[in-house]
PDB file of all heavy atoms in Angstrom:
ATOM      1  N   SER A   1     142.346  44.898  93.086  1.00  0.00           N
ATOM      2  CA  SER A   1     143.299  45.245  92.028  1.00  0.00           C
ATOM      3  C   SER A   1     142.570  45.597  90.737  1.00  0.00           C
ATOM      4  O   SER A   1     142.954  46.541  90.030  1.00  0.00           O
ATOM      5  CB  SER A   1     144.263  44.081  91.786  1.00  0.00           C
ATOM      6  OG  SER A   1     145.048  43.834  92.933  1.00  0.00           O
ATOM      7  N   ARG A   2     141.521  44.849  90.424  1.00  0.00           N
ATOM      8  CA  ARG A   2     140.756  45.133  89.208  1.00  0.00           C
ATOM      9  C   ARG A   2     140.060  46.491  89.276  1.00  0.00           C
ATOM     10  O   ARG A   2     139.797  47.112  88.251  1.00  0.00           O
ATOM     11  CB  ARG A   2     139.725  44.024  88.966  1.00  0.00           C
ATOM     12  CG  ARG A   2     140.342  42.696  88.540  1.00  0.00           C
ATOM     13  CD  ARG A   2     139.272  41.753  88.012  1.00  0.00           C
ATOM     14  NE  ARG A   2     138.291  41.403  89.035  1.00  0.00           N
ATOM     15  CZ  ARG A   2     138.380  40.355  89.834  1.00  0.00           C
ATOM     16  NH1 ARG A   2     139.443  39.535  89.736  1.00  0.00           N
ATOM     17  NH2 ARG A   2     137.455  40.084  90.731  1.00  0.00           N
ATOM     18  N   GLN A   3     139.766  46.941  90.489  1.00  0.00           N
ATOM     19  CA  GLN A   3     139.087  48.226  90.663  1.00  0.00           C
ATOM     20  C   GLN A   3     140.063  49.395  90.793  1.00  0.00           C
ATOM     21  O   GLN A   3     139.652  50.529  91.003  1.00  0.00           O
ATOM     22  CB  GLN A   3     138.184  48.180  91.900  1.00  0.00           C
ATOM     23  CG  GLN A   3     137.040  47.182  91.778  1.00  0.00           C
ATOM     24  CD  GLN A   3     136.216  47.111  93.057  1.00  0.00           C
ATOM     25  OE1 GLN A   3     136.492  47.805  94.032  1.00  0.00           O
ATOM     26  NE2 GLN A   3     135.184  46.277  93.050  1.00  0.00           N
ATOM     27  N   GLY A   4     141.366  49.124  90.694  1.00  0.00           N
ATOM     28  CA  GLY A   4     142.353  50.193  90.766  1.00  0.00           C
ATOM     29  C   GLY A   4     142.843  50.506  92.169  1.00  0.00           C
ATOM     30  O   GLY A   4     143.411  51.584  92.399  1.00  0.00           O
ATOM     31  N   TYR A   5     142.653  49.569  93.093  1.00  0.00           N
ATOM     32  CA  TYR A   5     143.117  49.770  94.470  1.00  0.00           C
ATOM     33  C   TYR A   5     144.294  48.841  94.776  1.00  0.00           C
ATOM     34  O   TYR A   5     144.503  47.830  94.102  1.00  0.00           O
ATOM     35  CB  TYR A   5     141.987  49.487  95.470  1.00  0.00           C
ATOM     36  CG  TYR A   5     140.813  50.427  95.368  1.00  0.00           C
ATOM     37  CD1 TYR A   5     139.586  49.990  94.863  1.00  0.00           C
ATOM     38  CD2 TYR A   5     140.924  51.754  95.773  1.00  0.00           C
ATOM     39  CE1 TYR A   5     138.495  50.843  94.767  1.00  0.00           C
ATOM     40  CE2 TYR A   5     139.845  52.620  95.686  1.00  0.00           C
ATOM     41  CZ  TYR A   5     138.634  52.158  95.185  1.00  0.00           C
ATOM     42  OH  TYR A   5     137.577  53.011  95.096  1.00  0.00           O
ATOM     43  N   GLU A   6     145.026  49.192  95.797  1.00  0.00           N
ATOM     44  CA  GLU A   6     146.068  48.307  96.316  1.00  0.00           C
ATOM     45  C   GLU A   6     145.903  48.182  97.824  1.00  0.00           C
ATOM     46  O   GLU A   6     145.367  49.074  98.480  1.00  0.00           O
ATOM     47  CB  GLU A   6     147.463  48.806  95.965  1.00  0.00           C
ATOM     48  CG  GLU A   6     147.834  50.164  96.526  1.00  0.00           C
ATOM     49  CD  GLU A   6     149.240  50.578  96.138  1.00  0.00           C
ATOM     50  OE1 GLU A   6     150.103  49.695  96.051  1.00  0.00           O
ATOM     51  OE2 GLU A   6     149.469  51.789  95.932  1.00  0.00           O
ATOM     52  N   MET A   7     146.378  47.046  98.347  1.00  0.00           N
ATOM     53  CA  MET A   7     146.200  46.757  99.770  1.00  0.00           C
ATOM     54  C   MET A   7     147.536  46.386 100.402  1.00  0.00           C
ATOM     55  O   MET A   7     148.367  45.720  99.779  1.00  0.00           O
ATOM     56  CB  MET A   7     145.204  45.601  99.938  1.00  0.00           C
ATOM     57  CG  MET A   7     145.072  45.100 101.367  1.00  0.00           C
ATOM     58  SD  MET A   7     143.974  43.662 101.482  1.00  0.00           S
ATOM     59  CE  MET A   7     142.395  44.438 101.190  1.00  0.00           C
ATOM     60  N   LYS A   8     147.718  46.830 101.628  1.00  0.00           N
ATOM     61  CA  LYS A   8     148.898  46.437 102.398  1.00  0.00           C
ATOM     62  C   LYS A   8     148.452  45.952 103.769  1.00  0.00           C
ATOM     63  O   LYS A   8     147.530  46.506 104.373  1.00  0.00           O
ATOM     64  CB  LYS A   8     149.878  47.603 102.556  1.00  0.00           C
ATOM     65  CG  LYS A   8     150.688  47.894 101.304  1.00  0.00           C
ATOM     66  CD  LYS A   8     151.873  48.788 101.606  1.00  0.00           C
ATOM     67  CE  LYS A   8     152.765  48.961 100.391  1.00  0.00           C
ATOM     68  NZ  LYS A   8     153.993  49.720 100.708  1.00  0.00           N
ATOM     69  N   THR A   9     149.134  44.927 104.254  1.00  0.00           N
ATOM     70  CA  THR A   9     148.859  44.430 105.599  1.00  0.00           C
ATOM     71  C   THR A   9     149.634  45.254 106.618  1.00  0.00           C
ATOM     72  O   THR A   9     150.565  45.994 106.272  1.00  0.00           O
ATOM     73  CB  THR A   9     149.254  42.959 105.731  1.00  0.00           C
ATOM     74  OG1 THR A   9     150.692  42.846 105.614  1.00  0.00           O
ATOM     75  CG2 THR A   9     148.603  42.115 104.643  1.00  0.00           C
ATOM     76  N   TRP A  10     149.278  45.084 107.883  1.00  0.00           N
ATOM     77  CA  TRP A  10     149.952  45.842 108.934  1.00  0.00           C
ATOM     78  C   TRP A  10     151.425  45.476 109.033  1.00  0.00           C
ATOM     79  O   TRP A  10     152.258  46.312 109.412  1.00  0.00           O
ATOM     80  CB  TRP A  10     149.254  45.635 110.268  1.00  0.00           C
ATOM     81  CG  TRP A  10     149.290  44.225 110.794  1.00  0.00           C
ATOM     82  CD1 TRP A  10     148.407  43.220 110.523  1.00  0.00           C
ATOM     83  CD2 TRP A  10     150.261  43.666 111.685  1.00  0.00           C
ATOM     84  NE1 TRP A  10     148.773  42.073 111.186  1.00  0.00           N
ATOM     85  CE2 TRP A  10     149.901  42.318 111.909  1.00  0.00           C
ATOM     86  CE3 TRP A  10     151.388  44.173 112.318  1.00  0.00           C
ATOM     87  CZ2 TRP A  10     150.633  41.470 112.727  1.00  0.00           C
ATOM     88  CZ3 TRP A  10     152.125  43.337 113.143  1.00  0.00           C
ATOM     89  CH2 TRP A  10     151.746  42.012 113.349  1.00  0.00           C
ATOM     90  N   VAL A  11     151.783  44.254 108.664  1.00  0.00           N
ATOM     91  CA  VAL A  11     153.194  43.857 108.689  1.00  0.00           C
ATOM     92  C   VAL A  11     153.968  44.626 107.623  1.00  0.00           C
ATOM     93  O   VAL A  11     155.085  45.104 107.863  1.00  0.00           O
ATOM     94  CB  VAL A  11     153.332  42.336 108.466  1.00  0.00           C
ATOM     95  CG1 VAL A  11     154.803  41.941 108.387  1.00  0.00           C
ATOM     96  CG2 VAL A  11     152.646  41.570 109.589  1.00  0.00           C
ATOM     97  N   GLU A  12     153.379  44.757 106.428  1.00  0.00           N
ATOM     98  CA  GLU A  12     154.040  45.493 105.349  1.00  0.00           C
ATOM     99  C   GLU A  12     154.151  46.980 105.670  1.00  0.00           C
ATOM    100  O   GLU A  12     155.078  47.654 105.207  1.00  0.00           O
ATOM    101  CB  GLU A  12     153.264  45.304 104.045  1.00  0.00           C
ATOM    102  CG  GLU A  12     153.272  43.872 103.526  1.00  0.00           C
ATOM    103  CD  GLU A  12     152.325  43.661 102.368  1.00  0.00           C
ATOM    104  OE1 GLU A  12     151.190  44.202 102.414  1.00  0.00           O
ATOM    105  OE2 GLU A  12     152.702  42.964 101.418  1.00  0.00           O
ATOM    106  N   LEU A  13     153.235  47.491 106.458  1.00  0.00           N
ATOM    107  CA  LEU A  13     153.243  48.909 106.809  1.00  0.00           C
ATOM    108  C   LEU A  13     154.204  49.233 107.942  1.00  0.00           C
ATOM    109  O   LEU A  13     154.521  50.403 108.168  1.00  0.00           O
ATOM    110  CB  LEU A  13     151.835  49.360 107.204  1.00  0.00           C
ATOM    111  CG  LEU A  13     150.795  49.377 106.088  1.00  0.00           C
ATOM    112  CD1 LEU A  13     149.397  49.530 106.671  1.00  0.00           C
ATOM    113  CD2 LEU A  13     151.085  50.492 105.100  1.00  0.00           C
ATOM    114  N   ASN A  14     154.658  48.218 108.666  1.00  0.00           N
ATOM    115  CA  ASN A  14     155.511  48.442 109.839  1.00  0.00           C
ATOM    116  C   ASN A  14     156.806  47.652 109.706  1.00  0.00           C
ATOM    117  O   ASN A  14     156.907  46.516 110.171  1.00  0.00           O
ATOM    118  CB  ASN A  14     154.775  48.020 111.121  1.00  0.00           C
ATOM    119  CG  ASN A  14     153.567  48.877 111.416  1.00  0.00           C
ATOM    120  OD1 ASN A  14     153.682  50.052 111.741  1.00  0.00           O
ATOM    121  ND2 ASN A  14     152.379  48.298 111.285  1.00  0.00           N
ATOM    122  N   SER A  15     157.787  48.250 109.062  1.00  0.00           N
ATOM    123  CA  SER A  15     159.083  47.567 108.905  1.00  0.00           C
ATOM    124  C   SER A  15     159.758  47.343 110.258  1.00  0.00           C
ATOM    125  O   SER A  15     160.504  46.374 110.433  1.00  0.00           O
ATOM    126  CB  SER A  15     159.997  48.384 107.994  1.00  0.00           C
ATOM    127  OG  SER A  15     160.212  49.690 108.520  1.00  0.00           O
ATOM    128  N   PHE A  16     159.473  48.223 111.216  1.00  0.00           N
ATOM    129  CA  PHE A  16     160.060  48.059 112.544  1.00  0.00           C
ATOM    130  C   PHE A  16     159.616  46.742 113.183  1.00  0.00           C
ATOM    131  O   PHE A  16     160.396  46.088 113.873  1.00  0.00           O
ATOM    132  CB  PHE A  16     159.648  49.233 113.444  1.00  0.00           C
ATOM    133  CG  PHE A  16     160.130  49.122 114.861  1.00  0.00           C
ATOM    134  CD1 PHE A  16     161.455  49.323 115.181  1.00  0.00           C
ATOM    135  CD2 PHE A  16     159.245  48.790 115.892  1.00  0.00           C
ATOM    136  CE1 PHE A  16     161.905  49.205 116.497  1.00  0.00           C
ATOM    137  CE2 PHE A  16     159.673  48.668 117.204  1.00  0.00           C
ATOM    138  CZ  PHE A  16     161.015  48.885 117.504  1.00  0.00           C
ATOM    139  N   TYR A  17     158.368  46.338 112.920  1.00  0.00           N
ATOM    140  CA  TYR A  17     157.878  45.077 113.472  1.00  0.00           C
ATOM    141  C   TYR A  17     158.666  43.899 112.908  1.00  0.00           C
ATOM    142  O   TYR A  17     159.068  43.004 113.655  1.00  0.00           O
ATOM    143  CB  TYR A  17     156.394  44.919 113.159  1.00  0.00           C
ATOM    144  CG  TYR A  17     155.835  43.570 113.554  1.00  0.00           C
ATOM    145  CD1 TYR A  17     155.477  43.299 114.870  1.00  0.00           C
ATOM    146  CD2 TYR A  17     155.681  42.548 112.615  1.00  0.00           C
ATOM    147  CE1 TYR A  17     154.984  42.064 115.244  1.00  0.00           C
ATOM    148  CE2 TYR A  17     155.184  41.317 112.978  1.00  0.00           C
ATOM    149  CZ  TYR A  17     154.839  41.073 114.291  1.00  0.00           C
ATOM    150  OH  TYR A  17     154.359  39.834 114.655  1.00  0.00           O
ATOM    151  N   THR A  18     158.879  43.884 111.605  1.00  0.00           N
ATOM    152  CA  THR A  18     159.631  42.801 110.975  1.00  0.00           C
ATOM    153  C   THR A  18     161.041  42.714 111.552  1.00  0.00           C
ATOM    154  O   THR A  18     161.545  41.616 111.837  1.00  0.00           O
ATOM    155  CB  THR A  18     159.698  43.019 109.456  1.00  0.00           C
ATOM    156  OG1 THR A  18     158.370  43.159 108.936  1.00  0.00           O
ATOM    157  CG2 THR A  18     160.371  41.845 108.767  1.00  0.00           C
ATOM    158  N   GLN A  19     161.672  43.859 111.734  1.00  0.00           N
ATOM    159  CA  GLN A  19     163.023  43.876 112.304  1.00  0.00           C
ATOM    160  C   GLN A  19     163.016  43.372 113.739  1.00  0.00           C
ATOM    161  O   GLN A  19     163.910  42.627 114.156  1.00  0.00           O
ATOM    162  CB  GLN A  19     163.582  45.296 112.233  1.00  0.00           C
ATOM    163  CG  GLN A  19     163.773  45.815 110.815  1.00  0.00           C
ATOM    164  CD  GLN A  19     163.992  47.318 110.766  1.00  0.00           C
ATOM    165  OE1 GLN A  19     163.981  47.995 111.808  1.00  0.00           O
ATOM    166  NE2 GLN A  19     164.187  47.855 109.576  1.00  0.00           N
ATOM    167  N   THR A  20     161.989  43.770 114.498  1.00  0.00           N
ATOM    168  CA  THR A  20     161.888  43.332 115.891  1.00  0.00           C
ATOM    169  C   THR A  20     161.697  41.824 115.986  1.00  0.00           C
ATOM    170  O   THR A  20     162.336  41.153 116.801  1.00  0.00           O
ATOM    171  CB  THR A  20     160.714  44.050 116.589  1.00  0.00           C
ATOM    172  OG1 THR A  20     160.922  45.459 116.529  1.00  0.00           O
ATOM    173  CG2 THR A  20     160.594  43.614 118.043  1.00  0.00           C
ATOM    174  N   VAL A  21     160.811  41.280 115.140  1.00  0.00           N
ATOM    175  CA  VAL A  21     160.564  39.834 115.150  1.00  0.00           C
ATOM    176  C   VAL A  21     161.830  39.078 114.796  1.00  0.00           C
ATOM    177  O   VAL A  21     162.172  38.079 115.440  1.00  0.00           O
ATOM    178  CB  VAL A  21     159.420  39.478 114.170  1.00  0.00           C
ATOM    179  CG1 VAL A  21     159.320  37.964 114.001  1.00  0.00           C
ATOM    180  CG2 VAL A  21     158.103  40.036 114.679  1.00  0.00           C
ATOM    181  N   THR A  22     162.546  39.535 113.770  1.00  0.00           N
ATOM    182  CA  THR A  22     163.793  38.876 113.372  1.00  0.00           C
ATOM    183  C   THR A  22     164.797  38.872 114.515  1.00  0.00           C
ATOM    184  O   THR A  22     165.444  37.844 114.801  1.00  0.00           O
ATOM    185  CB  THR A  22     164.402  39.590 112.151  1.00  0.00           C
ATOM    186  OG1 THR A  22     163.464  39.577 111.074  1.00  0.00           O
ATOM    187  CG2 THR A  22     165.673  38.894 111.700  1.00  0.00           C
ATOM    188  N   LEU A  23     164.912  40.006 115.201  1.00  0.00           N
ATOM    189  CA  LEU A  23     165.843  40.105 116.325  1.00  0.00           C
ATOM    190  C   LEU A  23     165.477  39.133 117.440  1.00  0.00           C
ATOM    191  O   LEU A  23     166.329  38.375 117.930  1.00  0.00           O
ATOM    192  CB  LEU A  23     165.844  41.546 116.857  1.00  0.00           C
ATOM    193  CG  LEU A  23     166.650  41.795 118.147  1.00  0.00           C
ATOM    194  CD1 LEU A  23     168.121  41.545 117.905  1.00  0.00           C
ATOM    195  CD2 LEU A  23     166.408  43.218 118.651  1.00  0.00           C
ATOM    196  N   TYR A  24     164.202  39.124 117.838  1.00  0.00           N
ATOM    197  CA  TYR A  24     163.778  38.262 118.937  1.00  0.00           C
ATOM    198  C   TYR A  24     163.858  36.780 118.568  1.00  0.00           C
ATOM    199  O   TYR A  24     164.210  35.941 119.405  1.00  0.00           O
ATOM    200  CB  TYR A  24     162.356  38.620 119.374  1.00  0.00           C
ATOM    201  CG  TYR A  24     162.289  39.863 120.228  1.00  0.00           C
ATOM    202  CD1 TYR A  24     161.356  40.861 119.966  1.00  0.00           C
ATOM    203  CD2 TYR A  24     163.151  40.049 121.300  1.00  0.00           C
ATOM    204  CE1 TYR A  24     161.291  42.013 120.746  1.00  0.00           C
ATOM    205  CE2 TYR A  24     163.095  41.189 122.077  1.00  0.00           C
ATOM    206  CZ  TYR A  24     162.169  42.161 121.799  1.00  0.00           C
ATOM    207  OH  TYR A  24     162.108  43.299 122.567  1.00  0.00           O
ATOM    208  N   ARG A  25     163.554  36.435 117.312  1.00  0.00           N
ATOM    209  CA  ARG A  25     163.652  35.039 116.892  1.00  0.00           C
ATOM    210  C   ARG A  25     165.102  34.559 116.953  1.00  0.00           C
ATOM    211  O   ARG A  25     165.389  33.439 117.377  1.00  0.00           O
ATOM    212  CB  ARG A  25     163.121  34.867 115.470  1.00  0.00           C
ATOM    213  CG  ARG A  25     161.671  35.234 115.267  1.00  0.00           C
ATOM    214  CD  ARG A  25     160.741  34.202 115.838  1.00  0.00           C
ATOM    215  NE  ARG A  25     159.355  34.477 115.421  1.00  0.00           N
ATOM    216  CZ  ARG A  25     158.311  34.291 116.171  1.00  0.00           C
ATOM    217  NH1 ARG A  25     158.448  33.821 117.385  1.00  0.00           N
ATOM    218  NH2 ARG A  25     157.082  34.557 115.735  1.00  0.00           N
ATOM    219  N   GLN A  26     166.021  35.421 116.529  1.00  0.00           N
ATOM    220  CA  GLN A  26     167.437  35.061 116.579  1.00  0.00           C
ATOM    221  C   GLN A  26     167.913  34.920 118.025  1.00  0.00           C
ATOM    222  O   GLN A  26     168.681  34.008 118.352  1.00  0.00           O
ATOM    223  CB  GLN A  26     168.269  36.103 115.846  1.00  0.00           C
ATOM    224  CG  GLN A  26     168.068  36.090 114.326  1.00  0.00           C
ATOM    225  CD  GLN A  26     168.863  37.172 113.629  1.00  0.00           C
ATOM    226  OE1 GLN A  26     169.393  38.094 114.261  1.00  0.00           O
ATOM    227  NE2 GLN A  26     168.941  37.087 112.306  1.00  0.00           N
ATOM    228  N   GLN A  27     167.432  35.801 118.879  1.00  0.00           N
ATOM    229  CA  GLN A  27     167.805  35.709 120.297  1.00  0.00           C
ATOM    230  C   GLN A  27     167.295  34.413 120.913  1.00  0.00           C
ATOM    231  O   GLN A  27     168.014  33.744 121.668  1.00  0.00           O
ATOM    232  CB  GLN A  27     167.232  36.905 121.067  1.00  0.00           C
ATOM    233  CG  GLN A  27     167.933  38.218 120.771  1.00  0.00           C
ATOM    234  CD  GLN A  27     167.333  39.380 121.523  1.00  0.00           C
ATOM    235  OE1 GLN A  27     166.200  39.320 121.999  1.00  0.00           O
ATOM    236  NE2 GLN A  27     168.066  40.471 121.629  1.00  0.00           N
ATOM    237  N   PHE A  28     166.059  34.034 120.576  1.00  0.00           N
ATOM    238  CA  PHE A  28     165.510  32.796 121.123  1.00  0.00           C
ATOM    239  C   PHE A  28     166.257  31.583 120.573  1.00  0.00           C
ATOM    240  O   PHE A  28     166.517  30.619 121.295  1.00  0.00           O
ATOM    241  CB  PHE A  28     164.020  32.685 120.801  1.00  0.00           C
ATOM    242  CG  PHE A  28     163.372  31.451 121.376  1.00  0.00           C
ATOM    243  CD1 PHE A  28     163.285  31.277 122.753  1.00  0.00           C
ATOM    244  CD2 PHE A  28     162.863  30.457 120.555  1.00  0.00           C
ATOM    245  CE1 PHE A  28     162.699  30.145 123.291  1.00  0.00           C
ATOM    246  CE2 PHE A  28     162.270  29.328 121.080  1.00  0.00           C
ATOM    247  CZ  PHE A  28     162.200  29.171 122.452  1.00  0.00           C
ATOM    248  N   GLY A  29     166.598  31.615 119.281  1.00  0.00           N
ATOM    249  CA  GLY A  29     167.381  30.522 118.715  1.00  0.00           C
ATOM    250  C   GLY A  29     168.726  30.373 119.398  1.00  0.00           C
ATOM    251  O   GLY A  29     169.170  29.245 119.675  1.00  0.00           O
ATOM    252  N   PHE A  30     169.373  31.505 119.683  1.00  0.00           N
ATOM    253  CA  PHE A  30     170.646  31.463 120.395  1.00  0.00           C
ATOM    254  C   PHE A  30     170.455  30.906 121.805  1.00  0.00           C
ATOM    255  O   PHE A  30     171.283  30.128 122.303  1.00  0.00           O
ATOM    256  CB  PHE A  30     171.241  32.874 120.453  1.00  0.00           C
ATOM    257  CG  PHE A  30     172.603  32.946 121.061  1.00  0.00           C
ATOM    258  CD1 PHE A  30     173.676  32.309 120.463  1.00  0.00           C
ATOM    259  CD2 PHE A  30     172.816  33.656 122.233  1.00  0.00           C
ATOM    260  CE1 PHE A  30     174.946  32.382 121.026  1.00  0.00           C
ATOM    261  CE2 PHE A  30     174.070  33.736 122.799  1.00  0.00           C
ATOM    262  CZ  PHE A  30     175.151  33.100 122.193  1.00  0.00           C
ATOM    263  N   LEU A  31     169.348  31.277 122.449  1.00  0.00           N
ATOM    264  CA  LEU A  31     169.055  30.776 123.789  1.00  0.00           C
ATOM    265  C   LEU A  31     168.830  29.263 123.773  1.00  0.00           C
ATOM    266  O   LEU A  31     169.268  28.546 124.684  1.00  0.00           O
ATOM    267  CB  LEU A  31     167.818  31.486 124.348  1.00  0.00           C
ATOM    268  CG  LEU A  31     167.407  31.143 125.782  1.00  0.00           C
ATOM    269  CD1 LEU A  31     168.497  31.550 126.756  1.00  0.00           C
ATOM    270  CD2 LEU A  31     166.100  31.831 126.140  1.00  0.00           C
ATOM    271  N   VAL A  32     168.148  28.766 122.739  1.00  0.00           N
ATOM    272  CA  VAL A  32     167.931  27.320 122.620  1.00  0.00           C
ATOM    273  C   VAL A  32     169.269  26.593 122.536  1.00  0.00           C
ATOM    274  O   VAL A  32     169.478  25.559 123.188  1.00  0.00           O
ATOM    275  CB  VAL A  32     167.068  27.000 121.374  1.00  0.00           C
ATOM    276  CG1 VAL A  32     167.054  25.495 121.100  1.00  0.00           C
ATOM    277  CG2 VAL A  32     165.647  27.496 121.578  1.00  0.00           C
ATOM    278  N   VAL A  33     170.187  27.139 121.739  1.00  0.00           N
ATOM    279  CA  VAL A  33     171.512  26.513 121.589  1.00  0.00           C
ATOM    280  C   VAL A  33     172.250  26.511 122.921  1.00  0.00           C
ATOM    281  O   VAL A  33     172.871  25.508 123.306  1.00  0.00           O
ATOM    282  CB  VAL A  33     172.327  27.256 120.510  1.00  0.00           C
ATOM    283  CG1 VAL A  33     173.760  26.735 120.475  1.00  0.00           C
ATOM    284  CG2 VAL A  33     171.674  27.088 119.145  1.00  0.00           C
ATOM    285  N   ILE A  34     172.186  27.636 123.651  1.00  0.00           N
ATOM    286  CA  ILE A  34     172.883  27.724 124.937  1.00  0.00           C
ATOM    287  C   ILE A  34     172.321  26.714 125.933  1.00  0.00           C
ATOM    288  O   ILE A  34     173.070  25.987 126.608  1.00  0.00           O
ATOM    289  CB  ILE A  34     172.772  29.156 125.512  1.00  0.00           C
ATOM    290  CG1 ILE A  34     173.603  30.125 124.664  1.00  0.00           C
ATOM    291  CG2 ILE A  34     173.230  29.194 126.962  1.00  0.00           C
ATOM    292  CD1 ILE A  34     173.484  31.562 125.105  1.00  0.00           C
ATOM    293  N   ILE A  35     170.997  26.644 126.050  1.00  0.00           N
ATOM    294  CA  ILE A  35     170.383  25.717 127.008  1.00  0.00           C
ATOM    295  C   ILE A  35     170.645  24.271 126.606  1.00  0.00           C
ATOM    296  O   ILE A  35     170.896  23.413 127.458  1.00  0.00           O
ATOM    297  CB  ILE A  35     168.872  26.003 127.132  1.00  0.00           C
ATOM    298  CG1 ILE A  35     168.670  27.352 127.841  1.00  0.00           C
ATOM    299  CG2 ILE A  35     168.153  24.883 127.883  1.00  0.00           C
ATOM    300  CD1 ILE A  35     167.234  27.718 128.071  1.00  0.00           C
ATOM    301  N   LEU A  36     170.628  23.980 125.301  1.00  0.00           N
ATOM    302  CA  LEU A  36     170.953  22.630 124.844  1.00  0.00           C
ATOM    303  C   LEU A  36     172.377  22.265 125.233  1.00  0.00           C
ATOM    304  O   LEU A  36     172.636  21.149 125.716  1.00  0.00           O
ATOM    305  CB  LEU A  36     170.772  22.533 123.332  1.00  0.00           C
ATOM    306  CG  LEU A  36     171.091  21.179 122.681  1.00  0.00           C
ATOM    307  CD1 LEU A  36     170.212  20.074 123.264  1.00  0.00           C
ATOM    308  CD2 LEU A  36     170.926  21.250 121.172  1.00  0.00           C
ATOM    309  N   ALA A  37     173.307  23.219 125.047  1.00  0.00           N
ATOM    310  CA  ALA A  37     174.704  22.959 125.420  1.00  0.00           C
ATOM    311  C   ALA A  37     174.840  22.747 126.929  1.00  0.00           C
ATOM    312  O   ALA A  37     175.567  21.843 127.390  1.00  0.00           O
ATOM    313  CB  ALA A  37     175.588  24.116 124.964  1.00  0.00           C
ATOM    314  N   MET A  38     174.141  23.569 127.724  1.00  0.00           N
ATOM    315  CA  MET A  38     174.199  23.417 129.178  1.00  0.00           C
ATOM    316  C   MET A  38     173.614  22.075 129.616  1.00  0.00           C
ATOM    317  O   MET A  38     174.156  21.404 130.501  1.00  0.00           O
ATOM    318  CB  MET A  38     173.441  24.570 129.852  1.00  0.00           C
ATOM    319  CG  MET A  38     174.112  25.925 129.678  1.00  0.00           C
ATOM    320  SD  MET A  38     173.126  27.276 130.379  1.00  0.00           S
ATOM    321  CE  MET A  38     173.096  26.800 132.105  1.00  0.00           C
TER     322      MET A  38
END
């Protein structure tokens, strides 16, 4: 930053990845609830 540069991680560069992770985490959480109920 002091040298006038900026940096981004691969997660920040790929919004599709963040959306995919959120979707799969929610699906797994729902699966945990279903199996717990069963």
